[in-house]
Amino acid sequence: MRSRWWRVGGGLIALLLLAPQGGLTQQASDERNTRRFESLYKDIEALKAGQKAMLDELQEMKKLLSSRGEARGDERSPMRDINTILSVGDAFSKGDKQATLTLVECTDYQ
């Protein structure tokens, strides 16, 4: 019976000595996580570079469009105050003949 206990105890000791340590598997997991983080960091940097390129292209488009408007000489604002005198002569009217007129244009581009 005693030899049996020695065999069981020796087997357990041998198993503990020969089995891989839990710390080794943890290090492999840390290395894997480090590689994942590096990969994610590279992906984020690539996205940032793509966004920068798109912003640069948009700014260039804005420059081209604004220079086009300047060449034509028109203001590209949707709201403009245009002061002009409208002569209607002796046409029928109701109210003060010297009253100001506000004309609002509503357009639909469809």
N, C-alpha and C. Protein backbone atom coordinates (compact mmCIF):
# COMPACT_ATOMS: atom_id res chain seq x y z
N MET A 1 0.81 -1.17 0.00
CA MET A 1 0.00 0.00 0.00
C MET A 1 0.86 1.25 0.00
N ARG A 2 1.95 1.18 0.74
CA ARG A 2 2.85 2.32 0.77
C ARG A 2 3.47 2.59 -0.58
N SER A 3 3.84 1.59 -1.29
CA SER A 3 4.44 1.80 -2.60
C SER A 3 3.45 2.41 -3.58
N ARG A 4 2.19 2.09 -3.34
CA ARG A 4 1.17 2.67 -4.18
C ARG A 4 1.10 4.19 -3.97
N TRP A 5 1.16 4.65 -2.72
CA TRP A 5 1.15 6.07 -2.42
C TRP A 5 2.37 6.77 -3.00
N TRP A 6 3.51 6.07 -2.94
CA TRP A 6 4.73 6.64 -3.51
C TRP A 6 4.58 6.81 -5.02
N ARG A 7 3.98 5.86 -5.66
CA ARG A 7 3.78 5.94 -7.10
C ARG A 7 2.82 7.09 -7.46
N VAL A 8 1.74 7.21 -6.71
CA VAL A 8 0.78 8.29 -6.97
C VAL A 8 1.45 9.64 -6.73
N GLY A 9 2.17 9.75 -5.61
CA GLY A 9 2.85 11.01 -5.28
C GLY A 9 3.93 11.34 -6.31
N GLY A 10 4.70 10.33 -6.71
CA GLY A 10 5.73 10.55 -7.73
C GLY A 10 5.12 10.94 -9.06
N GLY A 11 4.00 10.32 -9.40
CA GLY A 11 3.31 10.66 -10.65
C GLY A 11 2.81 12.10 -10.64
N LEU A 12 2.28 12.51 -9.49
CA LEU A 12 1.81 13.89 -9.39
C LEU A 12 2.96 14.89 -9.50
N ILE A 13 4.06 14.57 -8.85
CA ILE A 13 5.24 15.46 -8.93
C ILE A 13 5.76 15.51 -10.36
N ALA A 14 5.85 14.36 -11.03
CA ALA A 14 6.30 14.33 -12.41
C ALA A 14 5.34 15.11 -13.31
N LEU A 15 4.05 14.98 -13.07
CA LEU A 15 3.06 15.71 -13.85
C LEU A 15 3.23 17.22 -13.67
N LEU A 16 3.44 17.65 -12.45
CA LEU A 16 3.63 19.08 -12.19
C LEU A 16 4.91 19.60 -12.83
N LEU A 17 5.96 18.80 -12.82
CA LEU A 17 7.23 19.24 -13.39
C LEU A 17 7.20 19.25 -14.91
N LEU A 18 6.51 18.31 -15.52
CA LEU A 18 6.52 18.18 -16.96
C LEU A 18 5.39 18.96 -17.66
N ALA A 19 4.37 19.32 -16.93
CA ALA A 19 3.24 20.04 -17.54
C ALA A 19 3.67 21.48 -17.85
N PRO A 20 3.17 22.05 -18.94
CA PRO A 20 3.51 23.44 -19.26
C PRO A 20 2.94 24.38 -18.20
N GLN A 21 3.69 25.39 -17.93
CA GLN A 21 3.28 26.36 -16.91
C GLN A 21 2.19 27.28 -17.44
N GLY A 22 1.30 27.71 -16.57
CA GLY A 22 0.22 28.61 -16.95
C GLY A 22 0.74 29.97 -17.38
N GLY A 23 1.86 30.39 -16.84
CA GLY A 23 2.44 31.68 -17.19
C GLY A 23 2.92 31.73 -18.63
N LEU A 24 3.37 30.61 -19.15
CA LEU A 24 3.84 30.57 -20.53
C LEU A 24 2.69 30.80 -21.49
N THR A 25 1.54 30.19 -21.21
CA THR A 25 0.40 30.41 -22.09
C THR A 25 -0.09 31.85 -22.00
N GLN A 26 0.03 32.46 -20.83
CA GLN A 26 -0.37 33.85 -20.68
C GLN A 26 0.52 34.76 -21.51
N GLN A 27 1.80 34.51 -21.57
CA GLN A 27 2.70 35.33 -22.36
C GLN A 27 2.35 35.23 -23.84
N ALA A 28 2.00 34.04 -24.31
CA ALA A 28 1.62 33.89 -25.71
C ALA A 28 0.37 34.71 -25.99
N SER A 29 -0.56 34.73 -25.04
CA SER A 29 -1.76 35.52 -25.20
C SER A 29 -1.42 37.02 -25.22
N ASP A 30 -0.49 37.45 -24.37
CA ASP A 30 -0.06 38.85 -24.36
C ASP A 30 0.58 39.23 -25.68
N GLU A 31 1.39 38.34 -26.22
CA GLU A 31 2.02 38.62 -27.51
C GLU A 31 0.96 38.73 -28.61
N ARG A 32 -0.03 37.87 -28.57
CA ARG A 32 -1.10 37.91 -29.55
C ARG A 32 -1.89 39.22 -29.43
N ASN A 33 -2.17 39.63 -28.19
CA ASN A 33 -2.87 40.88 -27.98
C ASN A 33 -2.04 42.07 -28.46
N THR A 34 -0.75 42.01 -28.23
CA THR A 34 0.13 43.08 -28.70
C THR A 34 0.09 43.18 -30.21
N ARG A 35 0.14 42.05 -30.89
CA ARG A 35 0.05 42.04 -32.36
C ARG A 35 -1.30 42.59 -32.83
N ARG A 36 -2.37 42.23 -32.13
CA ARG A 36 -3.70 42.75 -32.50
C ARG A 36 -3.75 44.26 -32.34
N PHE A 37 -3.21 44.77 -31.23
CA PHE A 37 -3.21 46.21 -31.00
C PHE A 37 -2.37 46.93 -32.05
N GLU A 38 -1.24 46.34 -32.41
CA GLU A 38 -0.41 46.95 -33.45
C GLU A 38 -1.16 46.98 -34.78
N SER A 39 -1.87 45.90 -35.09
CA SER A 39 -2.64 45.84 -36.32
C SER A 39 -3.76 46.88 -36.31
N LEU A 40 -4.45 47.00 -35.18
CA LEU A 40 -5.50 48.01 -35.06
C LEU A 40 -4.94 49.41 -35.18
N TYR A 41 -3.79 49.65 -34.59
CA TYR A 41 -3.15 50.96 -34.66
C TYR A 41 -2.82 51.30 -36.12
N LYS A 42 -2.30 50.32 -36.85
CA LYS A 42 -1.98 50.56 -38.27
C LYS A 42 -3.26 50.85 -39.06
N ASP A 43 -4.34 50.13 -38.76
CA ASP A 43 -5.61 50.38 -39.44
C ASP A 43 -6.13 51.78 -39.15
N ILE A 44 -6.02 52.21 -37.91
CA ILE A 44 -6.47 53.55 -37.54
C ILE A 44 -5.65 54.60 -38.25
N GLU A 45 -4.35 54.41 -38.32
CA GLU A 45 -3.48 55.36 -39.02
C GLU A 45 -3.83 55.42 -40.51
N ALA A 46 -4.16 54.27 -41.11
CA ALA A 46 -4.55 54.25 -42.51
C ALA A 46 -5.87 55.01 -42.71
N LEU A 47 -6.81 54.84 -41.79
CA LEU A 47 -8.08 55.58 -41.87
C LEU A 47 -7.85 57.08 -41.74
N LYS A 48 -6.96 57.48 -40.83
CA LYS A 48 -6.66 58.90 -40.67
C LYS A 48 -6.05 59.47 -41.95
N ALA A 49 -5.16 58.71 -42.57
CA ALA A 49 -4.54 59.18 -43.81
C ALA A 49 -5.59 59.32 -44.91
N GLY A 50 -6.52 58.38 -44.98
CA GLY A 50 -7.60 58.46 -45.97
C GLY A 50 -8.50 59.66 -45.74
N GLN A 51 -8.82 59.94 -44.48
CA GLN A 51 -9.63 61.11 -44.17
C GLN A 51 -8.90 62.40 -44.53
N LYS A 52 -7.61 62.44 -44.27
CA LYS A 52 -6.82 63.64 -44.61
C LYS A 52 -6.84 63.86 -46.12
N ALA A 53 -6.69 62.78 -46.89
CA ALA A 53 -6.70 62.89 -48.35
C ALA A 53 -8.06 63.40 -48.83
N MET A 54 -9.16 62.89 -48.24
CA MET A 54 -10.49 63.36 -48.63
C MET A 54 -10.69 64.84 -48.30
N LEU A 55 -10.22 65.26 -47.12
CA LEU A 55 -10.35 66.67 -46.76
C LEU A 55 -9.55 67.56 -47.70
N ASP A 56 -8.36 67.10 -48.08
CA ASP A 56 -7.55 67.88 -49.02
C ASP A 56 -8.27 68.01 -50.37
N GLU A 57 -8.88 66.93 -50.84
CA GLU A 57 -9.62 66.97 -52.10
C GLU A 57 -10.82 67.90 -52.01
N LEU A 58 -11.53 67.86 -50.88
CA LEU A 58 -12.68 68.75 -50.70
C LEU A 58 -12.25 70.22 -50.70
N GLN A 59 -11.15 70.51 -50.04
CA GLN A 59 -10.66 71.89 -50.02
C GLN A 59 -10.27 72.35 -51.42
N GLU A 60 -9.66 71.45 -52.18
CA GLU A 60 -9.30 71.80 -53.55
C GLU A 60 -10.55 72.05 -54.39
N MET A 61 -11.60 71.24 -54.20
CA MET A 61 -12.85 71.45 -54.92
C MET A 61 -13.47 72.79 -54.55
N LYS A 62 -13.44 73.12 -53.27
CA LYS A 62 -13.98 74.40 -52.83
C LYS A 62 -13.23 75.55 -53.49
N LYS A 63 -11.92 75.41 -53.57
CA LYS A 63 -11.11 76.46 -54.20
C LYS A 63 -11.49 76.62 -55.66
N LEU A 64 -11.62 75.50 -56.36
CA LEU A 64 -11.98 75.56 -57.77
C LEU A 64 -13.36 76.19 -57.97
N LEU A 65 -14.32 75.80 -57.14
CA LEU A 65 -15.66 76.35 -57.28
C LEU A 65 -15.71 77.83 -56.92
N SER A 66 -14.97 78.23 -55.91
CA SER A 66 -14.98 79.64 -55.54
C SER A 66 -14.29 80.48 -56.60
N SER A 67 -13.22 79.98 -57.20
CA SER A 67 -12.54 80.74 -58.25
C SER A 67 -13.42 80.82 -59.49
N ARG A 68 -14.25 79.81 -59.72
CA ARG A 68 -15.19 79.83 -60.84
C ARG A 68 -16.23 80.92 -60.65
N GLY A 69 -16.73 81.07 -59.41
CA GLY A 69 -17.70 82.10 -59.13
C GLY A 69 -17.11 83.49 -59.22
N GLU A 70 -15.86 83.64 -58.79
CA GLU A 70 -15.20 84.94 -58.86
C GLU A 70 -14.96 85.33 -60.31
N ALA A 71 -14.67 84.34 -61.15
CA ALA A 71 -14.43 84.64 -62.56
C ALA A 71 -15.71 85.15 -63.23
N ARG A 72 -16.86 84.61 -62.80
CA ARG A 72 -18.13 85.06 -63.35
C ARG A 72 -18.56 86.39 -62.74
N GLY A 73 -18.05 86.69 -61.56
CA GLY A 73 -18.37 87.94 -60.92
C GLY A 73 -19.66 87.92 -60.13
N ASP A 74 -20.26 86.76 -59.90
CA ASP A 74 -21.49 86.73 -59.13
C ASP A 74 -21.22 86.21 -57.73
N GLU A 75 -22.06 86.70 -56.85
CA GLU A 75 -21.96 86.28 -55.46
C GLU A 75 -22.73 84.97 -55.31
N ARG A 76 -22.17 83.99 -54.63
CA ARG A 76 -22.79 82.67 -54.55
C ARG A 76 -23.65 82.50 -53.30
N SER A 77 -23.96 83.56 -52.61
CA SER A 77 -24.78 83.46 -51.42
C SER A 77 -26.24 83.28 -51.82
N PRO A 78 -26.99 82.42 -51.14
CA PRO A 78 -28.39 82.22 -51.51
C PRO A 78 -29.26 83.42 -51.14
N MET A 79 -28.84 84.22 -50.17
CA MET A 79 -29.62 85.39 -49.78
C MET A 79 -28.82 86.64 -50.10
N ARG A 80 -29.43 87.51 -50.90
CA ARG A 80 -28.78 88.76 -51.26
C ARG A 80 -29.76 89.90 -51.11
N ASP A 81 -29.27 90.98 -50.63
CA ASP A 81 -30.09 92.19 -50.59
C ASP A 81 -29.82 92.96 -51.87
N ILE A 82 -30.87 93.11 -52.64
CA ILE A 82 -30.74 93.85 -53.90
C ILE A 82 -31.65 95.06 -53.79
N ASN A 83 -31.06 96.22 -53.76
CA ASN A 83 -31.84 97.45 -53.70
C ASN A 83 -31.99 97.99 -55.12
N THR A 84 -33.22 98.05 -55.58
CA THR A 84 -33.49 98.55 -56.91
C THR A 84 -34.79 99.35 -56.90
N ILE A 85 -34.95 100.14 -57.88
CA ILE A 85 -36.17 100.93 -58.00
C ILE A 85 -37.03 100.29 -59.07
N LEU A 86 -38.24 99.99 -58.71
CA LEU A 86 -39.18 99.35 -59.62
C LEU A 86 -40.22 100.39 -60.00
N SER A 87 -40.30 100.67 -61.27
CA SER A 87 -41.26 101.68 -61.74
C SER A 87 -42.47 100.98 -62.33
N VAL A 88 -43.62 101.22 -61.75
CA VAL A 88 -44.85 100.63 -62.26
C VAL A 88 -45.74 101.68 -62.91
N GLY A 89 -45.22 102.86 -62.97
CA GLY A 89 -45.96 103.93 -63.65
C GLY A 89 -47.27 104.26 -62.99
N ASP A 90 -48.29 104.30 -63.78
CA ASP A 90 -49.62 104.64 -63.28
C ASP A 90 -50.49 103.41 -63.10
N ALA A 91 -49.86 102.25 -62.82
CA ALA A 91 -50.63 101.02 -62.65
C ALA A 91 -51.46 101.11 -61.38
N PHE A 92 -52.53 100.32 -61.36
CA PHE A 92 -53.41 100.31 -60.20
C PHE A 92 -52.63 99.81 -58.98
N SER A 93 -52.80 100.45 -57.86
CA SER A 93 -52.14 100.03 -56.63
C SER A 93 -53.03 100.37 -55.45
N LYS A 94 -52.78 99.70 -54.37
CA LYS A 94 -53.53 99.93 -53.14
C LYS A 94 -52.51 100.19 -52.04
N GLY A 95 -52.62 101.21 -51.29
CA GLY A 95 -51.71 101.52 -50.21
C GLY A 95 -50.79 102.65 -50.57
N ASP A 96 -49.76 102.83 -49.76
CA ASP A 96 -48.82 103.93 -49.93
C ASP A 96 -47.94 103.70 -51.16
N LYS A 97 -47.84 104.72 -51.98
CA LYS A 97 -47.05 104.59 -53.21
C LYS A 97 -45.54 104.59 -52.91
N GLN A 98 -45.12 105.03 -51.76
CA GLN A 98 -43.71 105.07 -51.39
C GLN A 98 -43.30 103.90 -50.48
N ALA A 99 -44.15 102.92 -50.29
CA ALA A 99 -43.86 101.77 -49.41
C ALA A 99 -42.75 100.90 -50.00
N THR A 100 -41.97 100.27 -49.13
CA THR A 100 -40.92 99.36 -49.60
C THR A 100 -41.52 98.01 -49.92
N LEU A 101 -40.90 97.34 -50.82
CA LEU A 101 -41.38 96.05 -51.29
C LEU A 101 -40.33 94.99 -50.98
N THR A 102 -40.75 93.90 -50.40
CA THR A 102 -39.86 92.77 -50.16
C THR A 102 -40.31 91.65 -51.07
N LEU A 103 -39.43 91.25 -51.96
CA LEU A 103 -39.75 90.20 -52.91
C LEU A 103 -38.96 88.95 -52.51
N VAL A 104 -39.67 87.86 -52.31
CA VAL A 104 -39.03 86.60 -51.92
C VAL A 104 -39.25 85.61 -53.04
N GLU A 105 -38.16 85.04 -53.53
CA GLU A 105 -38.24 84.06 -54.61
C GLU A 105 -38.08 82.67 -54.02
N CYS A 106 -39.05 81.80 -54.29
CA CYS A 106 -38.97 80.42 -53.84
C CYS A 106 -38.87 79.54 -55.08
N THR A 107 -37.80 78.81 -55.20
CA THR A 107 -37.62 77.95 -56.36
C THR A 107 -37.42 76.52 -55.94
N ASP A 108 -37.79 75.62 -56.82
CA ASP A 108 -37.58 74.20 -56.59
C ASP A 108 -36.78 73.67 -57.77
N TYR A 109 -35.66 73.08 -57.49
CA TYR A 109 -34.75 72.66 -58.56
C TYR A 109 -35.08 71.28 -59.13
N GLN A 110 -36.17 70.70 -58.71
CA GLN A 110 -36.49 69.36 -59.20
C GLN A 110 -37.31 69.40 -60.45
